[in-house]
Every structure is written in structure tokens, then in C-alpha cells.
Amino acid sequence: MFLSSPRYAGSACIPACNMAGAARAASAATFSINRNLHRARHELPPGAQSAAPMRHAPAMPSKGDDVNPPGGELPARAALTFAQTFHRQQP
């Protein structure tokens, strides 16, 4: 099965309105509108009646203190520890 979105090209940046967080000029970050992207399913297996989409994040920081430290700077990407994670997406 393939999942695609006609509003998002695979290597393009995700529009800010479709993200959970957004940059704010005055300070750190704030919440965004967080609208869902349109998703289309293709090539479902014969007889399939439902699907549970999963998101694979191959480079998710593995420690919470690596993400957005207040008043600090993130270390170089090479110094961060990453883990592969899988998330069940709501259909």
C-alpha cells in the first residue's frame, strides 16, 4: 500500500499550517494551526477493508533535552543521538 498527499512533494518542506509547531519571531516557538494533509491510499491489497498508516522517523532525537533547550543552542547534528521511531497515524 502507498500513501501520498498531492499537496506535499516528498522532498519539499511541509507547509507551516500542517505542522504542530511554528517559529515565532519574538521568542522560541508556538503552536501552529496543525491542519492534516490530504492523504490518498493507493494499491491496497485485494480484500483489504482497513489500513493503519505508520510514520517512520529515522532520525528522531532520542533524548528530550536535545530538543529546543530554552536559552541554549543545539549541538551539531553529529553530536546528537538519534533513534528510529515508528508512529501510528490516525486515518
C-alpha atoms as a PDB file:
ATOM      1  CA  MET A   1       0.000   0.000   0.000  1.00  0.00           C
ATOM      2  CA  PHE A   2       1.189   3.510  -0.764  1.00  0.00           C
ATOM      3  CA  LEU A   3       0.112   6.694   0.997  1.00  0.00           C
ATOM      4  CA  SER A   4       0.565  10.033  -0.728  1.00  0.00           C
ATOM      5  CA  SER A   5      -0.503  13.654  -0.473  1.00  0.00           C
ATOM      6  CA  PRO A   6      -0.951  15.771  -3.602  1.00  0.00           C
ATOM      7  CA  ARG A   7      -0.281  18.926  -1.522  1.00  0.00           C
ATOM      8  CA  TYR A   8       3.174  17.832  -0.369  1.00  0.00           C
ATOM      9  CA  ALA A   9       6.137  16.857  -2.532  1.00  0.00           C
ATOM     10  CA  GLY A  10       8.357  14.297  -0.783  1.00  0.00           C
ATOM     11  CA  SER A  11      11.499  16.439  -0.622  1.00  0.00           C
ATOM     12  CA  ALA A  12       9.779  19.809  -0.127  1.00  0.00           C
ATOM     13  CA  CYS A  13       9.288  21.495   3.239  1.00  0.00           C
ATOM     14  CA  ILE A  14       5.991  20.737   4.949  1.00  0.00           C
ATOM     15  CA  PRO A  15       3.847  23.911   4.990  1.00  0.00           C
ATOM     16  CA  ALA A  16       3.799  25.594   8.431  1.00  0.00           C
ATOM     17  CA  CYS A  17      -0.008  25.267   8.675  1.00  0.00           C
ATOM     18  CA  ASN A  18       0.431  21.464   8.596  1.00  0.00           C
ATOM     19  CA  MET A  19       2.971  21.341  11.450  1.00  0.00           C
ATOM     20  CA  ALA A  20       2.285  21.097  15.177  1.00  0.00           C
ATOM     21  CA  GLY A  21       4.721  23.931  15.956  1.00  0.00           C
ATOM     22  CA  ALA A  22       5.782  27.135  14.219  1.00  0.00           C
ATOM     23  CA  ALA A  23       8.651  29.593  14.598  1.00  0.00           C
ATOM     24  CA  ARG A  24       7.861  32.846  16.357  1.00  0.00           C
ATOM     25  CA  ALA A  25       9.970  35.950  15.742  1.00  0.00           C
ATOM     26  CA  ALA A  26       9.832  37.292  19.314  1.00  0.00           C
ATOM     27  CA  SER A  27      10.900  34.131  21.122  1.00  0.00           C
ATOM     28  CA  ALA A  28      11.135  30.358  20.772  1.00  0.00           C
ATOM     29  CA  ALA A  29       8.236  28.509  19.179  1.00  0.00           C
ATOM     30  CA  THR A  30       4.478  28.417  19.360  1.00  0.00           C
ATOM     31  CA  PHE A  31       1.704  26.079  18.278  1.00  0.00           C
ATOM     32  CA  SER A  32       0.667  26.114  14.635  1.00  0.00           C
ATOM     33  CA  ILE A  33      -2.755  25.525  13.071  1.00  0.00           C
ATOM     34  CA  ASN A  34      -1.758  21.840  12.648  1.00  0.00           C
ATOM     35  CA  ARG A  35      -4.121  21.008   9.780  1.00  0.00           C
ATOM     36  CA  ASN A  36      -3.980  17.467   8.446  1.00  0.00           C
ATOM     37  CA  LEU A  37      -2.595  16.997   4.955  1.00  0.00           C
ATOM     38  CA  HIS A  38      -4.903  15.337   2.450  1.00  0.00           C
ATOM     39  CA  ARG A  39      -3.861  11.674   2.207  1.00  0.00           C
ATOM     40  CA  ALA A  40      -4.668   9.214  -0.563  1.00  0.00           C
ATOM     41  CA  ARG A  41      -4.183   5.429  -0.408  1.00  0.00           C
ATOM     42  CA  HIS A  42      -3.033   3.512  -3.468  1.00  0.00           C
ATOM     43  CA  GLU A  43      -2.566  -0.172  -4.267  1.00  0.00           C
ATOM     44  CA  LEU A  44      -4.392  -1.645  -1.279  1.00  0.00           C
ATOM     45  CA  PRO A  45      -4.026  -5.443  -1.090  1.00  0.00           C
ATOM     46  CA  PRO A  46      -7.034  -7.320  -2.540  1.00  0.00           C
ATOM     47  CA  GLY A  47      -9.742  -7.816   0.100  1.00  0.00           C
ATOM     48  CA  ALA A  48      -8.323  -5.176   2.477  1.00  0.00           C
ATOM     49  CA  GLN A  49     -11.085  -3.495   4.474  1.00  0.00           C
ATOM     50  CA  SER A  50      -8.991  -1.172   6.632  1.00  0.00           C
ATOM     51  CA  ALA A  51      -5.479   0.193   6.983  1.00  0.00           C
ATOM     52  CA  ALA A  52      -3.360   1.578   9.828  1.00  0.00           C
ATOM     53  CA  PRO A  53      -0.840   4.086   8.434  1.00  0.00           C
ATOM     54  CA  MET A  54       2.518   4.257  10.218  1.00  0.00           C
ATOM     55  CA  ARG A  55       5.055   7.080  10.091  1.00  0.00           C
ATOM     56  CA  HIS A  56       8.726   6.183  10.116  1.00  0.00           C
ATOM     57  CA  ALA A  57      11.032   8.821  11.592  1.00  0.00           C
ATOM     58  CA  PRO A  58      14.590   7.547  11.001  1.00  0.00           C
ATOM     59  CA  ALA A  59      16.301  10.476  12.758  1.00  0.00           C
ATOM     60  CA  MET A  60      14.289  11.336  15.873  1.00  0.00           C
ATOM     61  CA  PRO A  61      16.337  12.761  18.783  1.00  0.00           C
ATOM     62  CA  SER A  62      16.492  10.055  21.455  1.00  0.00           C
ATOM     63  CA  LYS A  63      16.736  12.412  24.467  1.00  0.00           C
ATOM     64  CA  GLY A  64      14.257  15.175  25.294  1.00  0.00           C
ATOM     65  CA  ASP A  65      16.964  17.606  26.389  1.00  0.00           C
ATOM     66  CA  ASP A  66      18.386  17.559  22.834  1.00  0.00           C
ATOM     67  CA  VAL A  67      15.270  19.356  21.571  1.00  0.00           C
ATOM     68  CA  ASN A  68      14.800  23.136  21.860  1.00  0.00           C
ATOM     69  CA  PRO A  69      16.751  23.909  25.059  1.00  0.00           C
ATOM     70  CA  PRO A  70      15.488  27.292  26.377  1.00  0.00           C
ATOM     71  CA  GLY A  71      18.164  29.955  26.024  1.00  0.00           C
ATOM     72  CA  GLY A  72      20.637  27.448  24.639  1.00  0.00           C
ATOM     73  CA  GLU A  73      21.957  26.224  21.346  1.00  0.00           C
ATOM     74  CA  LEU A  74      21.564  22.805  19.850  1.00  0.00           C
ATOM     75  CA  PRO A  75      24.811  20.874  19.453  1.00  0.00           C
ATOM     76  CA  ALA A  76      25.971  19.970  15.971  1.00  0.00           C
ATOM     77  CA  ARG A  77      23.820  17.259  14.393  1.00  0.00           C
ATOM     78  CA  ALA A  78      26.732  14.807  14.600  1.00  0.00           C
ATOM     79  CA  ALA A  79      26.786  15.223  18.405  1.00  0.00           C
ATOM     80  CA  LEU A  80      23.098  14.313  18.843  1.00  0.00           C
ATOM     81  CA  THR A  81      21.912  10.762  19.483  1.00  0.00           C
ATOM     82  CA  PHE A  82      19.146   9.639  17.125  1.00  0.00           C
ATOM     83  CA  ALA A  83      16.795   6.670  17.197  1.00  0.00           C
ATOM     84  CA  GLN A  84      14.471   5.142  14.624  1.00  0.00           C
ATOM     85  CA  THR A  85      10.857   5.509  15.685  1.00  0.00           C
ATOM     86  CA  PHE A  86       7.520   4.425  14.287  1.00  0.00           C
ATOM     87  CA  HIS A  87       4.263   6.272  14.961  1.00  0.00           C
ATOM     88  CA  ARG A  88       0.759   5.061  14.246  1.00  0.00           C
ATOM     89  CA  GLN A  89      -1.038   7.804  12.336  1.00  0.00           C
ATOM     90  CA  GLN A  90      -4.747   8.400  12.818  1.00  0.00           C
ATOM     91  CA  PRO A  91      -6.501   7.699   9.485  1.00  0.00           C
END
